[in-house]
PDB file of N, CA and C in Angstrom:
ATOM      1  N   MET A   1      19.987  -1.354  -3.108  1.00  0.00           N
ATOM      2  CA  MET A   1      18.550  -1.576  -2.899  1.00  0.00           C
ATOM      3  C   MET A   1      17.397  -0.660  -2.936  1.00  0.00           C
ATOM      4  N   GLY A   2      17.569   0.440  -2.579  1.00  0.00           N
ATOM      5  CA  GLY A   2      16.539   1.497  -2.417  1.00  0.00           C
ATOM      6  C   GLY A   2      15.462   1.180  -1.493  1.00  0.00           C
ATOM      7  N   GLY A   3      15.712   1.731  -0.220  1.00  0.00           N
ATOM      8  CA  GLY A   3      14.838   1.506   0.741  1.00  0.00           C
ATOM      9  C   GLY A   3      13.876   2.625   0.887  1.00  0.00           C
ATOM     10  N   PRO A   4      13.124   2.685   2.003  1.00  0.00           N
ATOM     11  CA  PRO A   4      12.272   3.837   2.111  1.00  0.00           C
ATOM     12  C   PRO A   4      12.746   5.276   2.027  1.00  0.00           C
ATOM     13  N   ASP A   5      12.194   6.239   1.903  1.00  0.00           N
ATOM     14  CA  ASP A   5      12.750   7.794   2.018  1.00  0.00           C
ATOM     15  C   ASP A   5      13.220   7.791   3.348  1.00  0.00           C
ATOM     16  N   PRO A   6      14.121   8.539   3.526  1.00  0.00           N
ATOM     17  CA  PRO A   6      15.122   8.753   4.576  1.00  0.00           C
ATOM     18  C   PRO A   6      14.273   9.382   5.798  1.00  0.00           C
ATOM     19  N   PHE A   7      13.417  10.641   5.414  1.00  0.00           N
ATOM     20  CA  PHE A   7      12.641  11.237   6.222  1.00  0.00           C
ATOM     21  C   PHE A   7      11.259  10.683   6.414  1.00  0.00           C
ATOM     22  N   LEU A   8      11.097   9.467   6.144  1.00  0.00           N
ATOM     23  CA  LEU A   8       9.789   8.574   6.652  1.00  0.00           C
ATOM     24  C   LEU A   8      10.132   8.033   7.932  1.00  0.00           C
ATOM     25  N   GLU A   9       9.932   8.665   9.128  1.00  0.00           N
ATOM     26  CA  GLU A   9      10.208   7.962  10.571  1.00  0.00           C
ATOM     27  C   GLU A   9       9.074   8.724  11.105  1.00  0.00           C
ATOM     28  N   PRO A  10       8.842   7.886  12.445  1.00  0.00           N
ATOM     29  CA  PRO A  10       7.580   8.381  13.201  1.00  0.00           C
ATOM     30  C   PRO A  10       7.851   9.886  13.689  1.00  0.00           C
ATOM     31  N   GLY A  11       6.690  10.355  13.484  1.00  0.00           N
ATOM     32  CA  GLY A  11       6.534  12.084  14.072  1.00  0.00           C
ATOM     33  C   GLY A  11       6.651  12.985  12.917  1.00  0.00           C
ATOM     34  N   VAL A  12       7.288  12.536  11.845  1.00  0.00           N
ATOM     35  CA  VAL A  12       7.294  13.377  10.516  1.00  0.00           C
ATOM     36  C   VAL A  12       6.121  13.818   9.905  1.00  0.00           C
ATOM     37  N   LEU A  13       5.946  14.925   9.348  1.00  0.00           N
ATOM     38  CA  LEU A  13       4.661  15.423   9.032  1.00  0.00           C
ATOM     39  C   LEU A  13       4.618  15.310   7.315  1.00  0.00           C
ATOM     40  N   VAL A  14       3.498  14.681   6.612  1.00  0.00           N
ATOM     41  CA  VAL A  14       3.533  14.281   5.313  1.00  0.00           C
ATOM     42  C   VAL A  14       1.874  14.819   4.969  1.00  0.00           C
ATOM     43  N   MET A  15       2.144  14.821   3.402  1.00  0.00           N
ATOM     44  CA  MET A  15       0.845  15.072   2.867  1.00  0.00           C
ATOM     45  C   MET A  15       0.872  14.066   1.689  1.00  0.00           C
ATOM     46  N   HIS A  16      -0.453  13.329   1.472  1.00  0.00           N
ATOM     47  CA  HIS A  16      -0.719  12.580   0.343  1.00  0.00           C
ATOM     48  C   HIS A  16      -0.622  13.433  -0.726  1.00  0.00           C
ATOM     49  N   PRO A  17       0.149  12.814  -1.827  1.00  0.00           N
ATOM     50  CA  PRO A  17       0.007  13.549  -3.210  1.00  0.00           C
ATOM     51  C   PRO A  17      -1.285  13.560  -4.012  1.00  0.00           C
ATOM     52  N   THR A  18      -2.236  12.869  -3.794  1.00  0.00           N
ATOM     53  CA  THR A  18      -3.381  12.875  -4.569  1.00  0.00           C
ATOM     54  C   THR A  18      -4.617  13.007  -3.750  1.00  0.00           C
ATOM     55  N   ARG A  19      -4.457  13.191  -2.410  1.00  0.00           N
ATOM     56  CA  ARG A  19      -5.556  12.934  -1.500  1.00  0.00           C
ATOM     57  C   ARG A  19      -5.444  14.252  -0.567  1.00  0.00           C
ATOM     58  N   GLU A  20      -5.302  15.413  -0.950  1.00  0.00           N
ATOM     59  CA  GLU A  20      -5.132  16.727  -0.132  1.00  0.00           C
ATOM     60  C   GLU A  20      -6.195  16.638   0.752  1.00  0.00           C
ATOM     61  N   ASP A  21      -7.164  16.282   0.521  1.00  0.00           N
ATOM     62  CA  ASP A  21      -8.555  16.470   1.288  1.00  0.00           C
ATOM     63  C   ASP A  21      -8.334  15.575   2.421  1.00  0.00           C
ATOM     64  N   TRP A  22      -7.253  14.607   2.827  1.00  0.00           N
ATOM     65  CA  TRP A  22      -6.858  13.890   3.909  1.00  0.00           C
ATOM     66  C   TRP A  22      -6.483  14.730   4.932  1.00  0.00           C
ATOM     67  N   GLY A  23      -5.887  15.832   4.586  1.00  0.00           N
ATOM     68  CA  GLY A  23      -5.268  16.954   5.172  1.00  0.00           C
ATOM     69  C   GLY A  23      -3.859  16.416   5.872  1.00  0.00           C
ATOM     70  N   LEU A  24      -3.075  17.179   6.819  1.00  0.00           N
ATOM     71  CA  LEU A  24      -1.800  16.708   7.231  1.00  0.00           C
ATOM     72  C   LEU A  24      -1.776  15.246   7.705  1.00  0.00           C
ATOM     73  N   GLY A  25      -0.888  14.793   7.527  1.00  0.00           N
ATOM     74  CA  GLY A  25      -0.710  13.504   8.102  1.00  0.00           C
ATOM     75  C   GLY A  25       0.569  13.438   8.865  1.00  0.00           C
ATOM     76  N   GLN A  26       0.592  12.572  10.115  1.00  0.00           N
ATOM     77  CA  GLN A  26       1.848  12.273  10.989  1.00  0.00           C
ATOM     78  C   GLN A  26       2.040  10.852  10.944  1.00  0.00           C
ATOM     79  N   VAL A  27       3.366  10.446  10.467  1.00  0.00           N
ATOM     80  CA  VAL A  27       4.075   9.246  10.386  1.00  0.00           C
ATOM     81  C   VAL A  27       3.701   8.594  11.748  1.00  0.00           C
ATOM     82  N   GLN A  28       3.084   7.470  11.880  1.00  0.00           N
ATOM     83  CA  GLN A  28       3.057   6.873  13.215  1.00  0.00           C
ATOM     84  C   GLN A  28       3.877   5.865  13.344  1.00  0.00           C
ATOM     85  N   SER A  29       4.366   4.750  12.164  1.00  0.00           N
ATOM     86  CA  SER A  29       5.302   3.780  11.928  1.00  0.00           C
ATOM     87  C   SER A  29       5.878   3.492  10.500  1.00  0.00           C
ATOM     88  N   VAL A  30       7.012   2.961  10.619  1.00  0.00           N
ATOM     89  CA  VAL A  30       7.418   2.486   9.245  1.00  0.00           C
ATOM     90  C   VAL A  30       7.941   0.787   9.450  1.00  0.00           C
ATOM     91  N   ALA A  31       7.344   0.227   8.411  1.00  0.00           N
ATOM     92  CA  ALA A  31       7.931  -1.255   8.576  1.00  0.00           C
ATOM     93  C   ALA A  31       8.065  -1.579   6.964  1.00  0.00           C
ATOM     94  N   GLY A  32       9.176  -1.445   6.485  1.00  0.00           N
ATOM     95  CA  GLY A  32       9.483  -1.796   5.177  1.00  0.00           C
ATOM     96  C   GLY A  32       8.980  -0.729   4.115  1.00  0.00           C
ATOM     97  N   ARG A  33       8.131  -1.255   3.475  1.00  0.00           N
ATOM     98  CA  ARG A  33       7.784  -0.259   2.581  1.00  0.00           C
ATOM     99  C   ARG A  33       6.353   0.303   3.137  1.00  0.00           C
ATOM    100  N   LYS A  34       5.721  -0.396   3.924  1.00  0.00           N
ATOM    101  CA  LYS A  34       4.607   0.100   4.657  1.00  0.00           C
ATOM    102  C   LYS A  34       4.627   1.336   5.485  1.00  0.00           C
ATOM    103  N   VAL A  35       3.847   2.309   5.456  1.00  0.00           N
ATOM    104  CA  VAL A  35       4.015   3.552   6.311  1.00  0.00           C
ATOM    105  C   VAL A  35       2.803   3.466   6.963  1.00  0.00           C
ATOM    106  N   THR A  36       2.521   3.890   8.359  1.00  0.00           N
ATOM    107  CA  THR A  36       1.406   4.142   8.539  1.00  0.00           C
ATOM    108  C   THR A  36       1.320   5.544   9.073  1.00  0.00           C
ATOM    109  N   VAL A  37       0.303   6.198   8.458  1.00  0.00           N
ATOM    110  CA  VAL A  37       0.122   7.731   8.533  1.00  0.00           C
ATOM    111  C   VAL A  37      -1.171   8.016   9.258  1.00  0.00           C
ATOM    112  N   ASN A  38      -1.252   8.995  10.263  1.00  0.00           N
ATOM    113  CA  ASN A  38      -2.495   9.416  10.846  1.00  0.00           C
ATOM    114  C   ASN A  38      -2.883  10.708  10.238  1.00  0.00           C
ATOM    115  N   PHE A  39      -3.793  11.012   9.458  1.00  0.00           N
ATOM    116  CA  PHE A  39      -4.212  11.956   8.589  1.00  0.00           C
ATOM    117  C   PHE A  39      -5.564  12.477   9.594  1.00  0.00           C
ATOM    118  N   GLU A  40      -5.268  14.275   9.370  1.00  0.00           N
ATOM    119  CA  GLU A  40      -6.190  14.749   9.889  1.00  0.00           C
ATOM    120  C   GLU A  40      -8.098  14.511   9.659  1.00  0.00           C
ATOM    121  N   HIS A  41      -8.436  14.091   8.270  1.00  0.00           N
ATOM    122  CA  HIS A  41      -9.535  13.882   8.055  1.00  0.00           C
ATOM    123  C   HIS A  41      -9.633  12.684   7.537  1.00  0.00           C
ATOM    124  N   ALA A  42      -8.675  11.674   7.716  1.00  0.00           N
ATOM    125  CA  ALA A  42      -8.831  10.128   6.947  1.00  0.00           C
ATOM    126  C   ALA A  42      -8.220   9.336   8.081  1.00  0.00           C
ATOM    127  N   GLY A  43      -8.093   9.785   9.279  1.00  0.00           N
ATOM    128  CA  GLY A  43      -7.353   8.853  10.280  1.00  0.00           C
ATOM    129  C   GLY A  43      -6.152   8.069   9.650  1.00  0.00           C
ATOM    130  N   LYS A  44      -6.009   6.858  10.482  1.00  0.00           N
ATOM    131  CA  LYS A  44      -4.793   6.189  10.141  1.00  0.00           C
ATOM    132  C   LYS A  44      -5.211   5.340   8.836  1.00  0.00           C
ATOM    133  N   GLN A  45      -4.072   5.447   7.931  1.00  0.00           N
ATOM    134  CA  GLN A  45      -3.926   4.956   6.617  1.00  0.00           C
ATOM    135  C   GLN A  45      -2.534   4.040   6.537  1.00  0.00           C
ATOM    136  N   VAL A  46      -2.576   3.056   5.913  1.00  0.00           N
ATOM    137  CA  VAL A  46      -1.362   2.459   5.541  1.00  0.00           C
ATOM    138  C   VAL A  46      -0.808   2.718   4.266  1.00  0.00           C
ATOM    139  N   ILE A  47       0.034   3.319   3.950  1.00  0.00           N
ATOM    140  CA  ILE A  47       0.555   3.646   2.641  1.00  0.00           C
ATOM    141  C   ILE A  47       2.005   2.816   2.229  1.00  0.00           C
ATOM    142  N   ASP A  48       1.912   2.295   0.961  1.00  0.00           N
ATOM    143  CA  ASP A  48       2.801   1.634   0.232  1.00  0.00           C
ATOM    144  C   ASP A  48       3.750   2.646  -0.163  1.00  0.00           C
ATOM    145  N   SER A  49       5.067   2.873   0.578  1.00  0.00           N
ATOM    146  CA  SER A  49       5.953   3.997   0.036  1.00  0.00           C
ATOM    147  C   SER A  49       6.307   3.635  -1.301  1.00  0.00           C
ATOM    148  N   ALA A  50       6.453   2.269  -1.788  1.00  0.00           N
ATOM    149  CA  ALA A  50       6.812   2.078  -3.348  1.00  0.00           C
ATOM    150  C   ALA A  50       5.893   2.323  -4.316  1.00  0.00           C
ATOM    151  N   VAL A  51       4.583   2.787  -3.946  1.00  0.00           N
ATOM    152  CA  VAL A  51       3.728   3.008  -4.548  1.00  0.00           C
ATOM    153  C   VAL A  51       3.263   4.626  -4.816  1.00  0.00           C
ATOM    154  N   ILE A  52       3.150   5.011  -3.364  1.00  0.00           N
ATOM    155  CA  ILE A  52       2.683   6.527  -3.247  1.00  0.00           C
ATOM    156  C   ILE A  52       4.029   7.363  -2.639  1.00  0.00           C
ATOM    157  N   ALA A  53       4.480   8.380  -3.131  1.00  0.00           N
ATOM    158  CA  ALA A  53       5.566   9.030  -2.906  1.00  0.00           C
ATOM    159  C   ALA A  53       5.029  10.135  -1.972  1.00  0.00           C
ATOM    160  N   LEU A  54       4.914  10.030  -0.678  1.00  0.00           N
ATOM    161  CA  LEU A  54       4.215  10.782   0.164  1.00  0.00           C
ATOM    162  C   LEU A  54       5.228  12.191   0.357  1.00  0.00           C
ATOM    163  N   ARG A  55       4.545  13.529   0.193  1.00  0.00           N
ATOM    164  CA  ARG A  55       5.156  14.797   0.404  1.00  0.00           C
ATOM    165  C   ARG A  55       5.423  15.226   1.848  1.00  0.00           C
ATOM    166  N   PHE A  56       6.765  15.355   1.991  1.00  0.00           N
ATOM    167  CA  PHE A  56       7.276  15.771   3.321  1.00  0.00           C
ATOM    168  C   PHE A  56       6.948  17.346   3.604  1.00  0.00           C
ATOM    169  N   VAL A  57       6.460  17.514   4.807  1.00  0.00           N
ATOM    170  CA  VAL A  57       6.022  19.029   4.957  1.00  0.00           C
ATOM    171  C   VAL A  57       6.929  19.300   6.475  1.00  0.00           C
ATOM    172  N   SER A  58       7.869  20.049   6.013  1.00  0.00           N
ATOM    173  CA  SER A  58       8.877  20.551   6.871  1.00  0.00           C
ATOM    174  C   SER A  58       8.243  21.223   8.122  1.00  0.00           C
ATOM    175  N   ASP A  59       7.181  21.885   7.847  1.00  0.00           N
ATOM    176  CA  ASP A  59       6.523  22.716   9.024  1.00  0.00           C
ATOM    177  C   ASP A  59       5.175  22.644   8.939  1.00  0.00           C
ATOM    178  N   ASP A  60       4.425  22.515   9.918  1.00  0.00           N
ATOM    179  CA  ASP A  60       3.048  22.355  10.193  1.00  0.00           C
ATOM    180  C   ASP A  60       2.326  23.592   9.215  1.00  0.00           C
ATOM    181  N   PRO A  61       1.856  23.207   8.459  1.00  0.00           N
ATOM    182  CA  PRO A  61       1.109  24.372   7.400  1.00  0.00           C
ATOM    183  C   PRO A  61      -0.016  25.124   8.196  1.00  0.00           C
ATOM    184  N   ARG A  62      -0.504  24.566   9.062  1.00  0.00           N
ATOM    185  CA  ARG A  62      -1.575  25.195   9.931  1.00  0.00           C
ATOM    186  C   ARG A  62      -1.189  26.465  10.896  1.00  0.00           C
ATOM    187  N   GLY A  63       0.222  26.409  11.206  1.00  0.00           N
ATOM    188  CA  GLY A  63       0.870  27.707  11.722  1.00  0.00           C
ATOM    189  C   GLY A  63       1.644  28.373  10.874  1.00  0.00           C
ATOM    190  N   ALA A  64       1.373  28.190   9.227  1.00  0.00           N
ATOM    191  CA  ALA A  64       2.158  28.996   8.451  1.00  0.00           C
ATOM    192  C   ALA A  64       1.644  30.486   8.053  1.00  0.00           C
ATOM    193  N   ARG A  65       0.362  30.463   8.569  1.00  0.00           N
ATOM    194  CA  ARG A  65      -0.181  31.847   8.116  1.00  0.00           C
ATOM    195  C   ARG A  65      -0.659  32.575   9.400  1.00  0.00           C
TER     196      ARG A  65
END
């Protein structure tokens, strides 16, 4: 059936693949294909995971340098 990506769960850090200006996002909730993400520069956005493949961020890039 192909559900949402297994890493999409509350608390996970992600980036939008085409809107890097939104900054780092933290997944707030997942309801089927709808993923609510709170982005640094764009606030809360509801993403359709069947249309947008969010990029998983294993570590917070703000602390990487």
